[in-house]
């Protein structure tokens, strides 16, 4: 059985460090240099770290 997101879309690629950096940069510009804990940008960075195999904190899954 293949994995699918809850939205049912196909062809998704994993979050990359470069994509997470772009998201975090945009969020920081809007937020006066700050990225809120638990924000989409923070979750993107965590997902990129997880996908690259470098951990990223947040506990075990």
Protein backbone atom coordinates (compact mmCIF):
# COMPACT_ATOMS: atom_id res chain seq x y z
CA UNK A 1 0.00 0.00 0.00
CA UNK A 2 1.43 3.39 -0.94
CA UNK A 3 1.48 6.33 1.43
CA UNK A 4 -0.70 9.31 0.65
CA UNK A 5 -1.31 12.59 2.41
CA UNK A 6 -4.67 13.29 3.97
CA UNK A 7 -5.50 15.62 1.07
CA UNK A 8 -5.15 12.73 -1.36
CA UNK A 9 -2.77 14.55 -3.69
CA UNK A 10 -0.08 12.58 -5.47
CA UNK A 11 3.41 13.36 -6.68
CA UNK A 12 4.53 15.14 -3.54
CA UNK A 13 8.24 15.39 -2.83
CA UNK A 14 9.76 15.52 0.66
CA UNK A 15 10.65 18.84 2.26
CA UNK A 16 14.23 19.81 1.43
CA UNK A 17 16.60 22.01 3.40
CA UNK A 18 16.59 24.57 0.58
CA UNK A 19 12.79 24.77 0.50
CA UNK A 20 12.62 25.04 4.30
CA UNK A 21 15.21 27.84 4.22
CA UNK A 22 13.12 29.81 1.70
CA UNK A 23 10.00 29.37 3.84
CA UNK A 24 11.82 30.36 7.02
CA UNK A 25 13.39 33.39 5.33
CA UNK A 26 10.01 34.66 4.16
CA UNK A 27 8.47 34.10 7.60
CA UNK A 28 11.33 35.92 9.31
CA UNK A 29 10.99 38.91 6.98
CA UNK A 30 7.29 39.18 7.80
CA UNK A 31 7.83 38.55 11.51
CA UNK A 32 10.55 41.12 12.09
CA UNK A 33 13.35 38.57 12.09
CA UNK A 34 11.58 36.07 14.32
CA UNK A 35 10.09 32.69 13.45
CA UNK A 36 7.51 31.53 15.97
CA UNK A 37 7.88 28.13 17.60
CA UNK A 38 5.37 25.70 16.08
CA UNK A 39 4.81 27.87 12.99
CA UNK A 40 4.66 26.43 9.48
CA UNK A 41 8.22 27.62 8.88
CA UNK A 42 9.44 25.86 12.02
CA UNK A 43 7.63 22.65 11.07
CA UNK A 44 9.09 22.85 7.55
CA UNK A 45 12.60 23.11 8.98
CA UNK A 46 11.94 20.14 11.25
CA UNK A 47 10.60 18.07 8.35
CA UNK A 48 13.64 18.93 6.23
CA UNK A 49 15.96 17.84 9.02
CA UNK A 50 14.00 14.64 9.43
CA UNK A 51 14.07 13.92 5.69
CA UNK A 52 17.81 14.54 5.46
CA UNK A 53 18.48 12.08 8.27
CA UNK A 54 20.05 14.71 10.51
CA UNK A 55 17.45 14.54 13.25
CA UNK A 56 16.23 17.95 14.23
CA UNK A 57 14.98 17.43 17.75
CA UNK A 58 11.40 17.18 18.81
CA UNK A 59 11.63 13.65 20.16
CA UNK A 60 11.24 10.24 18.64
CA UNK A 61 8.64 9.29 16.05
